[in-house]
Amino acid sequence: MNHITKEQYEFALARIEELLPLVTDDVPANDRNAVELTLMSDIVVEYEKEHFPMEKPSVADLIELSLEEKEMTQKQLATLIGVSPSRINDYVSGRAEPTLRIARLLCRTLGITPAAMLGA
């Protein structure tokens, strides 16, 4: 895509807000509004990739976010995977990286994809 200006981005955002109520799950993909919604969404995604790049989350971030989502404490996680609570704290604080075996247990227990854990 060509360089997208801020004005084009803001137009696309506004147009998406107008189109969202019109494009339900029952609307065919080749409907004029559905096609336009896809195009406007592509413009927004492209602009945001360029102007608001997101870093991949660290292992510490993944664990912390997953704990919050599951409303689980570090102590509960430690019990479930068989390590000390202080070891979980080391992972969450970024002071230590889990071994492959522990990473596998973290993925299974917290529902983290292995690709995300590996930073892929």
PDB file of N, CA and C in Angstrom:
ATOM      1  N   MET A   1       0.845  -1.184   0.000  1.00  0.00           N
ATOM      2  CA  MET A   1       0.000   0.000   0.000  1.00  0.00           C
ATOM      3  C   MET A   1       0.885   1.241   0.000  1.00  0.00           C
ATOM      4  N   ASN A   2       0.383   2.308  -0.540  1.00  0.00           N
ATOM      5  CA  ASN A   2       1.122   3.568  -0.536  1.00  0.00           C
ATOM      6  C   ASN A   2       1.136   4.159   0.860  1.00  0.00           C
ATOM      7  N   HIS A   3       1.935   5.200   1.033  1.00  0.00           N
ATOM      8  CA  HIS A   3       1.982   5.889   2.316  1.00  0.00           C
ATOM      9  C   HIS A   3       0.594   6.447   2.646  1.00  0.00           C
ATOM     10  N   ILE A   4       0.117   6.160   3.825  1.00  0.00           N
ATOM     11  CA  ILE A   4      -1.214   6.601   4.244  1.00  0.00           C
ATOM     12  C   ILE A   4      -1.053   7.811   5.141  1.00  0.00           C
ATOM     13  N   THR A   5      -1.785   8.867   4.820  1.00  0.00           N
ATOM     14  CA  THR A   5      -1.702  10.096   5.608  1.00  0.00           C
ATOM     15  C   THR A   5      -2.572   9.990   6.844  1.00  0.00           C
ATOM     16  N   LYS A   6      -2.320  10.886   7.777  1.00  0.00           N
ATOM     17  CA  LYS A   6      -3.126  10.928   8.995  1.00  0.00           C
ATOM     18  C   LYS A   6      -4.587  11.210   8.660  1.00  0.00           C
ATOM     19  N   GLU A   7      -4.824  12.062   7.683  1.00  0.00           N
ATOM     20  CA  GLU A   7      -6.195  12.397   7.284  1.00  0.00           C
ATOM     21  C   GLU A   7      -6.912  11.168   6.720  1.00  0.00           C
ATOM     22  N   GLN A   8      -6.205  10.389   5.904  1.00  0.00           N
ATOM     23  CA  GLN A   8      -6.796   9.165   5.355  1.00  0.00           C
ATOM     24  C   GLN A   8      -7.099   8.175   6.469  1.00  0.00           C
ATOM     25  N   TYR A   9      -6.182   8.072   7.401  1.00  0.00           N
ATOM     26  CA  TYR A   9      -6.369   7.189   8.556  1.00  0.00           C
ATOM     27  C   TYR A   9      -7.599   7.590   9.351  1.00  0.00           C
ATOM     28  N   GLU A  10      -7.710   8.879   9.658  1.00  0.00           N
ATOM     29  CA  GLU A  10      -8.859   9.357  10.441  1.00  0.00           C
ATOM     30  C   GLU A  10     -10.164   9.174   9.680  1.00  0.00           C
ATOM     31  N   PHE A  11     -10.139   9.388   8.365  1.00  0.00           N
ATOM     32  CA  PHE A  11     -11.330   9.145   7.544  1.00  0.00           C
ATOM     33  C   PHE A  11     -11.721   7.674   7.627  1.00  0.00           C
ATOM     34  N   ALA A  12     -10.733   6.787   7.478  1.00  0.00           N
ATOM     35  CA  ALA A  12     -11.000   5.349   7.515  1.00  0.00           C
ATOM     36  C   ALA A  12     -11.581   4.937   8.868  1.00  0.00           C
ATOM     37  N   LEU A  13     -11.053   5.486   9.957  1.00  0.00           N
ATOM     38  CA  LEU A  13     -11.595   5.173  11.285  1.00  0.00           C
ATOM     39  C   LEU A  13     -13.055   5.586  11.391  1.00  0.00           C
ATOM     40  N   ALA A  14     -13.355   6.791  10.936  1.00  0.00           N
ATOM     41  CA  ALA A  14     -14.734   7.293  10.999  1.00  0.00           C
ATOM     42  C   ALA A  14     -15.652   6.447  10.124  1.00  0.00           C
ATOM     43  N   ARG A  15     -15.173   6.078   8.947  1.00  0.00           N
ATOM     44  CA  ARG A  15     -15.993   5.278   8.027  1.00  0.00           C
ATOM     45  C   ARG A  15     -16.239   3.888   8.596  1.00  0.00           C
ATOM     46  N   ILE A  16     -15.265   3.324   9.276  1.00  0.00           N
ATOM     47  CA  ILE A  16     -15.448   2.014   9.917  1.00  0.00           C
ATOM     48  C   ILE A  16     -16.573   2.090  10.937  1.00  0.00           C
ATOM     49  N   GLU A  17     -16.590   3.154  11.726  1.00  0.00           N
ATOM     50  CA  GLU A  17     -17.655   3.326  12.730  1.00  0.00           C
ATOM     51  C   GLU A  17     -19.033   3.369  12.063  1.00  0.00           C
ATOM     52  N   GLU A  18     -19.118   3.973  10.890  1.00  0.00           N
ATOM     53  CA  GLU A  18     -20.384   4.038  10.161  1.00  0.00           C
ATOM     54  C   GLU A  18     -20.769   2.681   9.570  1.00  0.00           C
ATOM     55  N   LEU A  19     -19.779   1.932   9.121  1.00  0.00           N
ATOM     56  CA  LEU A  19     -20.038   0.668   8.437  1.00  0.00           C
ATOM     57  C   LEU A  19     -20.301  -0.504   9.377  1.00  0.00           C
ATOM     58  N   LEU A  20     -19.713  -0.477  10.552  1.00  0.00           N
ATOM     59  CA  LEU A  20     -19.837  -1.619  11.463  1.00  0.00           C
ATOM     60  C   LEU A  20     -21.285  -2.028  11.738  1.00  0.00           C
ATOM     61  N   PRO A  21     -22.194  -1.085  12.014  1.00  0.00           N
ATOM     62  CA  PRO A  21     -23.578  -1.513  12.255  1.00  0.00           C
ATOM     63  C   PRO A  21     -24.258  -2.095  11.011  1.00  0.00           C
ATOM     64  N   LEU A  22     -23.755  -1.780   9.835  1.00  0.00           N
ATOM     65  CA  LEU A  22     -24.374  -2.224   8.586  1.00  0.00           C
ATOM     66  C   LEU A  22     -23.886  -3.593   8.128  1.00  0.00           C
ATOM     67  N   VAL A  23     -22.729  -3.997   8.612  1.00  0.00           N
ATOM     68  CA  VAL A  23     -22.128  -5.258   8.156  1.00  0.00           C
ATOM     69  C   VAL A  23     -22.198  -6.269   9.298  1.00  0.00           C
ATOM     70  N   THR A  24     -23.251  -7.070   9.269  1.00  0.00           N
ATOM     71  CA  THR A  24     -23.428  -8.115  10.275  1.00  0.00           C
ATOM     72  C   THR A  24     -22.864  -9.426   9.741  1.00  0.00           C
ATOM     73  N   ASP A  25     -22.915 -10.453  10.554  1.00  0.00           N
ATOM     74  CA  ASP A  25     -22.430 -11.765  10.125  1.00  0.00           C
ATOM     75  C   ASP A  25     -23.242 -12.321   8.958  1.00  0.00           C
ATOM     76  N   ASP A  26     -24.475 -11.827   8.785  1.00  0.00           N
ATOM     77  CA  ASP A  26     -25.345 -12.316   7.722  1.00  0.00           C
ATOM     78  C   ASP A  26     -25.077 -11.653   6.369  1.00  0.00           C
ATOM     79  N   VAL A  27     -24.289 -10.588   6.366  1.00  0.00           N
ATOM     80  CA  VAL A  27     -24.006  -9.858   5.131  1.00  0.00           C
ATOM     81  C   VAL A  27     -22.952 -10.626   4.336  1.00  0.00           C
ATOM     82  N   PRO A  28     -23.213 -10.872   3.038  1.00  0.00           N
ATOM     83  CA  PRO A  28     -22.217 -11.591   2.232  1.00  0.00           C
ATOM     84  C   PRO A  28     -20.925 -10.790   2.085  1.00  0.00           C
ATOM     85  N   ALA A  29     -19.827 -11.497   1.919  1.00  0.00           N
ATOM     86  CA  ALA A  29     -18.508 -10.855   1.822  1.00  0.00           C
ATOM     87  C   ALA A  29     -18.386  -9.955   0.606  1.00  0.00           C
ATOM     88  N   ASN A  30     -19.187 -10.188  -0.428  1.00  0.00           N
ATOM     89  CA  ASN A  30     -19.099  -9.364  -1.628  1.00  0.00           C
ATOM     90  C   ASN A  30     -20.086  -8.187  -1.606  1.00  0.00           C
ATOM     91  N   ASP A  31     -20.772  -7.978  -0.484  1.00  0.00           N
ATOM     92  CA  ASP A  31     -21.646  -6.820  -0.325  1.00  0.00           C
ATOM     93  C   ASP A  31     -20.796  -5.548  -0.360  1.00  0.00           C
ATOM     94  N   ARG A  32     -21.324  -4.509  -0.968  1.00  0.00           N
ATOM     95  CA  ARG A  32     -20.584  -3.251  -1.125  1.00  0.00           C
ATOM     96  C   ARG A  32     -20.059  -2.719   0.208  1.00  0.00           C
ATOM     97  N   ASN A  33     -20.894  -2.742   1.248  1.00  0.00           N
ATOM     98  CA  ASN A  33     -20.472  -2.243   2.558  1.00  0.00           C
ATOM     99  C   ASN A  33     -19.408  -3.142   3.186  1.00  0.00           C
ATOM    100  N   ALA A  34     -19.530  -4.451   2.988  1.00  0.00           N
ATOM    101  CA  ALA A  34     -18.541  -5.382   3.536  1.00  0.00           C
ATOM    102  C   ALA A  34     -17.187  -5.181   2.868  1.00  0.00           C
ATOM    103  N   VAL A  35     -17.203  -4.974   1.560  1.00  0.00           N
ATOM    104  CA  VAL A  35     -15.954  -4.742   0.825  1.00  0.00           C
ATOM    105  C   VAL A  35     -15.310  -3.444   1.298  1.00  0.00           C
ATOM    106  N   GLU A  36     -16.135  -2.400   1.438  1.00  0.00           N
ATOM    107  CA  GLU A  36     -15.592  -1.118   1.888  1.00  0.00           C
ATOM    108  C   GLU A  36     -15.045  -1.225   3.306  1.00  0.00           C
ATOM    109  N   LEU A  37     -15.735  -1.962   4.172  1.00  0.00           N
ATOM    110  CA  LEU A  37     -15.252  -2.143   5.544  1.00  0.00           C
ATOM    111  C   LEU A  37     -13.882  -2.824   5.544  1.00  0.00           C
ATOM    112  N   THR A  38     -13.715  -3.817   4.700  1.00  0.00           N
ATOM    113  CA  THR A  38     -12.424  -4.504   4.595  1.00  0.00           C
ATOM    114  C   THR A  38     -11.332  -3.543   4.136  1.00  0.00           C
ATOM    115  N   LEU A  39     -11.637  -2.745   3.126  1.00  0.00           N
ATOM    116  CA  LEU A  39     -10.650  -1.783   2.620  1.00  0.00           C
ATOM    117  C   LEU A  39     -10.289  -0.740   3.675  1.00  0.00           C
ATOM    118  N   MET A  40     -11.275  -0.220   4.376  1.00  0.00           N
ATOM    119  CA  MET A  40     -11.014   0.781   5.421  1.00  0.00           C
ATOM    120  C   MET A  40     -10.192   0.158   6.554  1.00  0.00           C
ATOM    121  N   SER A  41     -10.503  -1.084   6.882  1.00  0.00           N
ATOM    122  CA  SER A  41      -9.751  -1.775   7.935  1.00  0.00           C
ATOM    123  C   SER A  41      -8.293  -1.968   7.527  1.00  0.00           C
ATOM    124  N   ASP A  42      -8.076  -2.302   6.256  1.00  0.00           N
ATOM    125  CA  ASP A  42      -6.707  -2.463   5.762  1.00  0.00           C
ATOM    126  C   ASP A  42      -5.925  -1.154   5.872  1.00  0.00           C
ATOM    127  N   ILE A  43      -6.582  -0.042   5.579  1.00  0.00           N
ATOM    128  CA  ILE A  43      -5.933   1.272   5.683  1.00  0.00           C
ATOM    129  C   ILE A  43      -5.527   1.541   7.130  1.00  0.00           C
ATOM    130  N   VAL A  44      -6.431   1.274   8.065  1.00  0.00           N
ATOM    131  CA  VAL A  44      -6.155   1.510   9.477  1.00  0.00           C
ATOM    132  C   VAL A  44      -5.006   0.621   9.950  1.00  0.00           C
ATOM    133  N   VAL A  45      -5.039  -0.648   9.593  1.00  0.00           N
ATOM    134  CA  VAL A  45      -3.979  -1.575  10.009  1.00  0.00           C
ATOM    135  C   VAL A  45      -2.626  -1.120   9.468  1.00  0.00           C
ATOM    136  N   GLU A  46      -2.590  -0.757   8.200  1.00  0.00           N
ATOM    137  CA  GLU A  46      -1.331  -0.331   7.575  1.00  0.00           C
ATOM    138  C   GLU A  46      -0.773   0.918   8.267  1.00  0.00           C
ATOM    139  N   TYR A  47      -1.635   1.899   8.523  1.00  0.00           N
ATOM    140  CA  TYR A  47      -1.195   3.133   9.177  1.00  0.00           C
ATOM    141  C   TYR A  47      -0.678   2.840  10.592  1.00  0.00           C
ATOM    142  N   GLU A  48      -1.409   2.005  11.329  1.00  0.00           N
ATOM    143  CA  GLU A  48      -1.017   1.710  12.707  1.00  0.00           C
ATOM    144  C   GLU A  48       0.268   0.898  12.764  1.00  0.00           C
ATOM    145  N   LYS A  49       0.500   0.026  11.807  1.00  0.00           N
ATOM    146  CA  LYS A  49       1.774  -0.709  11.760  1.00  0.00           C
ATOM    147  C   LYS A  49       2.945   0.249  11.624  1.00  0.00           C
ATOM    148  N   GLU A  50       2.752   1.273  10.800  1.00  0.00           N
ATOM    149  CA  GLU A  50       3.831   2.230  10.548  1.00  0.00           C
ATOM    150  C   GLU A  50       4.016   3.212  11.701  1.00  0.00           C
ATOM    151  N   HIS A  51       2.914   3.696  12.260  1.00  0.00           N
ATOM    152  CA  HIS A  51       2.996   4.776  13.246  1.00  0.00           C
ATOM    153  C   HIS A  51       2.899   4.325  14.703  1.00  0.00           C
ATOM    154  N   PHE A  52       2.372   3.147  14.944  1.00  0.00           N
ATOM    155  CA  PHE A  52       2.225   2.637  16.309  1.00  0.00           C
ATOM    156  C   PHE A  52       2.711   1.191  16.387  1.00  0.00           C
ATOM    157  N   PRO A  53       3.969   0.942  16.023  1.00  0.00           N
ATOM    158  CA  PRO A  53       4.452  -0.443  16.041  1.00  0.00           C
ATOM    159  C   PRO A  53       4.430  -1.008  17.461  1.00  0.00           C
ATOM    160  N   MET A  54       4.092  -2.268  17.534  1.00  0.00           N
ATOM    161  CA  MET A  54       4.038  -2.932  18.834  1.00  0.00           C
ATOM    162  C   MET A  54       5.182  -3.930  18.926  1.00  0.00           C
ATOM    163  N   GLU A  55       5.882  -3.872  20.032  1.00  0.00           N
ATOM    164  CA  GLU A  55       6.932  -4.855  20.278  1.00  0.00           C
ATOM    165  C   GLU A  55       6.285  -6.165  20.700  1.00  0.00           C
ATOM    166  N   LYS A  56       6.971  -7.235  20.405  1.00  0.00           N
ATOM    167  CA  LYS A  56       6.482  -8.532  20.857  1.00  0.00           C
ATOM    168  C   LYS A  56       6.629  -8.588  22.365  1.00  0.00           C
ATOM    169  N   PRO A  57       5.631  -9.153  23.052  1.00  0.00           N
ATOM    170  CA  PRO A  57       5.736  -9.215  24.512  1.00  0.00           C
ATOM    171  C   PRO A  57       6.844 -10.159  24.953  1.00  0.00           C
ATOM    172  N   SER A  58       7.462  -9.816  26.050  1.00  0.00           N
ATOM    173  CA  SER A  58       8.502 -10.677  26.616  1.00  0.00           C
ATOM    174  C   SER A  58       7.843 -11.865  27.313  1.00  0.00           C
ATOM    175  N   VAL A  59       8.653 -12.842  27.659  1.00  0.00           N
ATOM    176  CA  VAL A  59       8.152 -13.994  28.419  1.00  0.00           C
ATOM    177  C   VAL A  59       7.531 -13.499  29.728  1.00  0.00           C
ATOM    178  N   ALA A  60       8.189 -12.542  30.365  1.00  0.00           N
ATOM    179  CA  ALA A  60       7.669 -11.979  31.614  1.00  0.00           C
ATOM    180  C   ALA A  60       6.295 -11.357  31.391  1.00  0.00           C
ATOM    181  N   ASP A  61       6.145 -10.592  30.309  1.00  0.00           N
ATOM    182  CA  ASP A  61       4.853  -9.973  29.997  1.00  0.00           C
ATOM    183  C   ASP A  61       3.783 -11.026  29.754  1.00  0.00           C
ATOM    184  N   LEU A  62       4.130 -12.064  28.993  1.00  0.00           N
ATOM    185  CA  LEU A  62       3.162 -13.121  28.690  1.00  0.00           C
ATOM    186  C   LEU A  62       2.661 -13.798  29.956  1.00  0.00           C
ATOM    187  N   ILE A  63       3.581 -14.102  30.859  1.00  0.00           N
ATOM    188  CA  ILE A  63       3.190 -14.771  32.106  1.00  0.00           C
ATOM    189  C   ILE A  63       2.316 -13.848  32.935  1.00  0.00           C
ATOM    190  N   GLU A  64       2.746 -12.600  33.084  1.00  0.00           N
ATOM    191  CA  GLU A  64       1.995 -11.652  33.910  1.00  0.00           C
ATOM    192  C   GLU A  64       0.592 -11.417  33.345  1.00  0.00           C
ATOM    193  N   LEU A  65       0.482 -11.208  32.046  1.00  0.00           N
ATOM    194  CA  LEU A  65      -0.832 -10.989  31.438  1.00  0.00           C
ATOM    195  C   LEU A  65      -1.728 -12.212  31.566  1.00  0.00           C
ATOM    196  N   SER A  66      -1.152 -13.382  31.383  1.00  0.00           N
ATOM    197  CA  SER A  66      -1.928 -14.615  31.497  1.00  0.00           C
ATOM    198  C   SER A  66      -2.419 -14.833  32.926  1.00  0.00           C
ATOM    199  N   LEU A  67      -1.572 -14.517  33.889  1.00  0.00           N
ATOM    200  CA  LEU A  67      -1.997 -14.624  35.288  1.00  0.00           C
ATOM    201  C   LEU A  67      -3.178 -13.696  35.563  1.00  0.00           C
ATOM    202  N   GLU A  68      -3.107 -12.469  35.053  1.00  0.00           N
ATOM    203  CA  GLU A  68      -4.200 -11.518  35.244  1.00  0.00           C
ATOM    204  C   GLU A  68      -5.480 -12.022  34.594  1.00  0.00           C
ATOM    205  N   GLU A  69      -5.365 -12.509  33.357  1.00  0.00           N
ATOM    206  CA  GLU A  69      -6.536 -12.997  32.630  1.00  0.00           C
ATOM    207  C   GLU A  69      -7.206 -14.155  33.352  1.00  0.00           C
ATOM    208  N   LYS A  70      -6.406 -15.024  33.922  1.00  0.00           N
ATOM    209  CA  LYS A  70      -6.933 -16.201  34.602  1.00  0.00           C
ATOM    210  C   LYS A  70      -7.232 -15.933  36.075  1.00  0.00           C
ATOM    211  N   GLU A  71      -6.982 -14.697  36.506  1.00  0.00           N
ATOM    212  CA  GLU A  71      -7.177 -14.320  37.916  1.00  0.00           C
ATOM    213  C   GLU A  71      -6.486 -15.323  38.837  1.00  0.00           C
ATOM    214  N   MET A  72      -5.226 -15.587  38.504  1.00  0.00           N
ATOM    215  CA  MET A  72      -4.426 -16.559  39.235  1.00  0.00           C
ATOM    216  C   MET A  72      -3.251 -15.835  39.883  1.00  0.00           C
ATOM    217  N   THR A  73      -2.877 -16.288  41.055  1.00  0.00           N
ATOM    218  CA  THR A  73      -1.724 -15.694  41.721  1.00  0.00           C
ATOM    219  C   THR A  73      -0.453 -16.432  41.293  1.00  0.00           C
ATOM    220  N   GLN A  74       0.678 -15.787  41.545  1.00  0.00           N
ATOM    221  CA  GLN A  74       1.959 -16.430  41.257  1.00  0.00           C
ATOM    222  C   GLN A  74       2.102 -17.697  42.091  1.00  0.00           C
ATOM    223  N   LYS A  75       1.616 -17.636  43.301  1.00  0.00           N
ATOM    224  CA  LYS A  75       1.702 -18.801  44.197  1.00  0.00           C
ATOM    225  C   LYS A  75       0.878 -19.970  43.642  1.00  0.00           C
ATOM    226  N   GLN A  76      -0.326 -19.682  43.136  1.00  0.00           N
ATOM    227  CA  GLN A  76      -1.150 -20.742  42.550  1.00  0.00           C
ATOM    228  C   GLN A  76      -0.469 -21.359  41.338  1.00  0.00           C
ATOM    229  N   LEU A  77       0.108 -20.510  40.497  1.00  0.00           N
ATOM    230  CA  LEU A  77       0.819 -21.009  39.323  1.00  0.00           C
ATOM    231  C   LEU A  77       2.001 -21.878  39.741  1.00  0.00           C
ATOM    232  N   ALA A  78       2.738 -21.431  40.740  1.00  0.00           N
ATOM    233  CA  ALA A  78       3.889 -22.184  41.224  1.00  0.00           C
ATOM    234  C   ALA A  78       3.468 -23.590  41.659  1.00  0.00           C
ATOM    235  N   THR A  79       2.366 -23.667  42.385  1.00  0.00           N
ATOM    236  CA  THR A  79       1.860 -24.959  42.849  1.00  0.00           C
ATOM    237  C   THR A  79       1.484 -25.847  41.663  1.00  0.00           C
ATOM    238  N   LEU A  80       0.824 -25.259  40.667  1.00  0.00           N
ATOM    239  CA  LEU A  80       0.368 -26.039  39.515  1.00  0.00           C
ATOM    240  C   LEU A  80       1.518 -26.606  38.679  1.00  0.00           C
ATOM    241  N   ILE A  81       2.603 -25.870  38.577  1.00  0.00           N
ATOM    242  CA  ILE A  81       3.698 -26.367  37.723  1.00  0.00           C
ATOM    243  C   ILE A  81       4.870 -26.938  38.520  1.00  0.00           C
ATOM    244  N   GLY A  82       4.793 -26.888  39.854  1.00  0.00           N
ATOM    245  CA  GLY A  82       5.801 -27.546  40.679  1.00  0.00           C
ATOM    246  C   GLY A  82       7.098 -26.786  40.850  1.00  0.00           C
ATOM    247  N   VAL A  83       7.018 -25.461  40.947  1.00  0.00           N
ATOM    248  CA  VAL A  83       8.203 -24.657  41.249  1.00  0.00           C
ATOM    249  C   VAL A  83       7.879 -23.749  42.427  1.00  0.00           C
ATOM    250  N   SER A  84       8.879 -23.082  42.939  1.00  0.00           N
ATOM    251  CA  SER A  84       8.646 -22.195  44.083  1.00  0.00           C
ATOM    252  C   SER A  84       8.007 -20.884  43.611  1.00  0.00           C
ATOM    253  N   PRO A  85       7.229 -20.246  44.488  1.00  0.00           N
ATOM    254  CA  PRO A  85       6.658 -18.939  44.143  1.00  0.00           C
ATOM    255  C   PRO A  85       7.736 -17.906  43.793  1.00  0.00           C
ATOM    256  N   SER A  86       8.894 -17.997  44.460  1.00  0.00           N
ATOM    257  CA  SER A  86       9.953 -17.037  44.155  1.00  0.00           C
ATOM    258  C   SER A  86      10.491 -17.250  42.738  1.00  0.00           C
ATOM    259  N   ARG A  87      10.449 -18.491  42.262  1.00  0.00           N
ATOM    260  CA  ARG A  87      10.901 -18.766  40.896  1.00  0.00           C
ATOM    261  C   ARG A  87       9.939 -18.143  39.891  1.00  0.00           C
ATOM    262  N   ILE A  88       8.648 -18.243  40.155  1.00  0.00           N
ATOM    263  CA  ILE A  88       7.651 -17.600  39.285  1.00  0.00           C
ATOM    264  C   ILE A  88       7.889 -16.101  39.290  1.00  0.00           C
ATOM    265  N   ASN A  89       8.181 -15.552  40.454  1.00  0.00           N
ATOM    266  CA  ASN A  89       8.448 -14.113  40.543  1.00  0.00           C
ATOM    267  C   ASN A  89       9.675 -13.741  39.717  1.00  0.00           C
ATOM    268  N   ASP A  90      10.672 -14.616  39.705  1.00  0.00           N
ATOM    269  CA  ASP A  90      11.851 -14.367  38.868  1.00  0.00           C
ATOM    270  C   ASP A  90      11.464 -14.293  37.390  1.00  0.00           C
ATOM    271  N   TYR A  91      10.554 -15.172  36.954  1.00  0.00           N
ATOM    272  CA  TYR A  91      10.104 -15.156  35.556  1.00  0.00           C
ATOM    273  C   TYR A  91       9.310 -13.888  35.254  1.00  0.00           C
ATOM    274  N   VAL A  92       8.396 -13.532  36.152  1.00  0.00           N
ATOM    275  CA  VAL A  92       7.529 -12.365  35.937  1.00  0.00           C
ATOM    276  C   VAL A  92       8.331 -11.064  35.966  1.00  0.00           C
ATOM    277  N   SER A  93       9.345 -10.999  36.796  1.00  0.00           N
ATOM    278  CA  SER A  93      10.159  -9.783  36.891  1.00  0.00           C
ATOM    279  C   SER A  93      11.213  -9.705  35.792  1.00  0.00           C
ATOM    280  N   GLY A  94      11.406 -10.817  35.077  1.00  0.00           N
ATOM    281  CA  GLY A  94      12.410 -10.832  34.017  1.00  0.00           C
ATOM    282  C   GLY A  94      13.810 -11.141  34.506  1.00  0.00           C
ATOM    283  N   ARG A  95      13.947 -11.518  35.785  1.00  0.00           N
ATOM    284  CA  ARG A  95      15.272 -11.848  36.322  1.00  0.00           C
ATOM    285  C   ARG A  95      15.769 -13.205  35.832  1.00  0.00           C
ATOM    286  N   ALA A  96      14.819 -14.057  35.396  1.00  0.00           N
ATOM    287  CA  ALA A  96      15.204 -15.391  34.919  1.00  0.00           C
ATOM    288  C   ALA A  96      14.276 -15.803  33.785  1.00  0.00           C
ATOM    289  N   GLU A  97      14.803 -16.653  32.915  1.00  0.00           N
ATOM    290  CA  GLU A  97      14.014 -17.229  31.830  1.00  0.00           C
ATOM    291  C   GLU A  97      13.712 -18.678  32.198  1.00  0.00           C
ATOM    292  N   PRO A  98      12.501 -19.136  31.918  1.00  0.00           N
ATOM    293  CA  PRO A  98      12.175 -20.533  32.247  1.00  0.00           C
ATOM    294  C   PRO A  98      12.933 -21.503  31.348  1.00  0.00           C
ATOM    295  N   THR A  99      13.215 -22.667  31.894  1.00  0.00           N
ATOM    296  CA  THR A  99      13.799 -23.735  31.084  1.00  0.00           C
ATOM    297  C   THR A  99      12.754 -24.189  30.072  1.00  0.00           C
ATOM    298  N   LEU A 100      13.166 -24.985  29.108  1.00  0.00           N
ATOM    299  CA  LEU A 100      12.232 -25.473  28.098  1.00  0.00           C
ATOM    300  C   LEU A 100      11.106 -26.283  28.746  1.00  0.00           C
ATOM    301  N   ARG A 101      11.446 -27.097  29.720  1.00  0.00           N
ATOM    302  CA  ARG A 101      10.431 -27.908  30.405  1.00  0.00           C
ATOM    303  C   ARG A 101       9.429 -27.015  31.125  1.00  0.00           C
ATOM    304  N   ILE A 102       9.924 -26.011  31.832  1.00  0.00           N
ATOM    305  CA  ILE A 102       9.036 -25.100  32.562  1.00  0.00           C
ATOM    306  C   ILE A 102       8.235 -24.248  31.583  1.00  0.00           C
ATOM    307  N   ALA A 103       8.854 -23.826  30.495  1.00  0.00           N
ATOM    308  CA  ALA A 103       8.137 -23.042  29.479  1.00  0.00           C
ATOM    309  C   ALA A 103       6.970 -23.845  28.923  1.00  0.00           C
ATOM    310  N   ARG A 104       7.198 -25.125  28.695  1.00  0.00           N
ATOM    311  CA  ARG A 104       6.128 -26.001  28.196  1.00  0.00           C
ATOM    312  C   ARG A 104       4.989 -26.071  29.209  1.00  0.00           C
ATOM    313  N   LEU A 105       5.321 -26.209  30.484  1.00  0.00           N
ATOM    314  CA  LEU A 105       4.292 -26.252  31.528  1.00  0.00           C
ATOM    315  C   LEU A 105       3.549 -24.918  31.618  1.00  0.00           C
ATOM    316  N   LEU A 106       4.291 -23.822  31.496  1.00  0.00           N
ATOM    317  CA  LEU A 106       3.654 -22.503  31.532  1.00  0.00           C
ATOM    318  C   LEU A 106       2.668 -22.354  30.372  1.00  0.00           C
ATOM    319  N   CYS A 107       3.077 -22.790  29.192  1.00  0.00           N
ATOM    320  CA  CYS A 107       2.194 -22.713  28.025  1.00  0.00           C
ATOM    321  C   CYS A 107       0.915 -23.503  28.257  1.00  0.00           C
ATOM    322  N   ARG A 108       1.058 -24.721  28.727  1.00  0.00           N
ATOM    323  CA  ARG A 108      -0.121 -25.574  28.973  1.00  0.00           C
ATOM    324  C   ARG A 108      -1.014 -24.997  30.062  1.00  0.00           C
ATOM    325  N   THR A 109      -0.418 -24.562  31.142  1.00  0.00           N
ATOM    326  CA  THR A 109      -1.187 -24.092  32.291  1.00  0.00           C
ATOM    327  C   THR A 109      -1.859 -22.756  32.030  1.00  0.00           C
ATOM    328  N   LEU A 110      -1.143 -21.857  31.351  1.00  0.00           N
ATOM    329  CA  LEU A 110      -1.664 -20.498  31.145  1.00  0.00           C
ATOM    330  C   LEU A 110      -2.322 -20.296  29.788  1.00  0.00           C
ATOM    331  N   GLY A 111      -2.228 -21.293  28.916  1.00  0.00           N
ATOM    332  CA  GLY A 111      -2.836 -21.157  27.601  1.00  0.00           C
ATOM    333  C   GLY A 111      -2.051 -20.229  26.674  1.00  0.00           C
ATOM    334  N   ILE A 112      -0.743 -20.176  26.869  1.00  0.00           N
ATOM    335  CA  ILE A 112       0.132 -19.367  26.026  1.00  0.00           C
ATOM    336  C   ILE A 112       0.578 -20.249  24.863  1.00  0.00           C
ATOM    337  N   THR A 113       0.556 -19.723  23.657  1.00  0.00           N
ATOM    338  CA  THR A 113       1.029 -20.526  22.519  1.00  0.00           C
ATOM    339  C   THR A 113       2.552 -20.659  22.600  1.00  0.00           C
ATOM    340  N   PRO A 114       3.064 -21.814  22.218  1.00  0.00           N
ATOM    341  CA  PRO A 114       4.511 -21.974  22.216  1.00  0.00           C
ATOM    342  C   PRO A 114       5.210 -20.932  21.323  1.00  0.00           C
ATOM    343  N   ALA A 115       4.589 -20.573  20.206  1.00  0.00           N
ATOM    344  CA  ALA A 115       5.185 -19.563  19.311  1.00  0.00           C
ATOM    345  C   ALA A 115       5.345 -18.230  20.033  1.00  0.00           C
ATOM    346  N   ALA A 116       4.348 -17.838  20.827  1.00  0.00           N
ATOM    347  CA  ALA A 116       4.440 -16.585  21.567  1.00  0.00           C
ATOM    348  C   ALA A 116       5.540 -16.686  22.628  1.00  0.00           C
ATOM    349  N   MET A 117       5.619 -17.818  23.288  1.00  0.00           N
ATOM    350  CA  MET A 117       6.637 -18.010  24.326  1.00  0.00           C
ATOM    351  C   MET A 117       8.039 -17.941  23.728  1.00  0.00           C
ATOM    352  N   LEU A 118       8.181 -18.411  22.491  1.00  0.00           N
ATOM    353  CA  LEU A 118       9.480 -18.396  21.829  1.00  0.00           C
ATOM    354  C   LEU A 118       9.764 -17.067  21.124  1.00  0.00           C
ATOM    355  N   GLY A 119       8.784 -16.164  21.167  1.00  0.00           N
ATOM    356  CA  GLY A 119       8.986 -14.850  20.559  1.00  0.00           C
ATOM    357  C   GLY A 119       8.813 -14.846  19.058  1.00  0.00           C
ATOM    358  N   ALA A 120       8.143 -15.870  18.540  1.00  0.00           N
ATOM    359  CA  ALA A 120       7.932 -15.962  17.083  1.00  0.00           C
ATOM    360  C   ALA A 120       6.731 -15.155  16.641  1.00  0.00           C
TER     361      ALA A 120
END
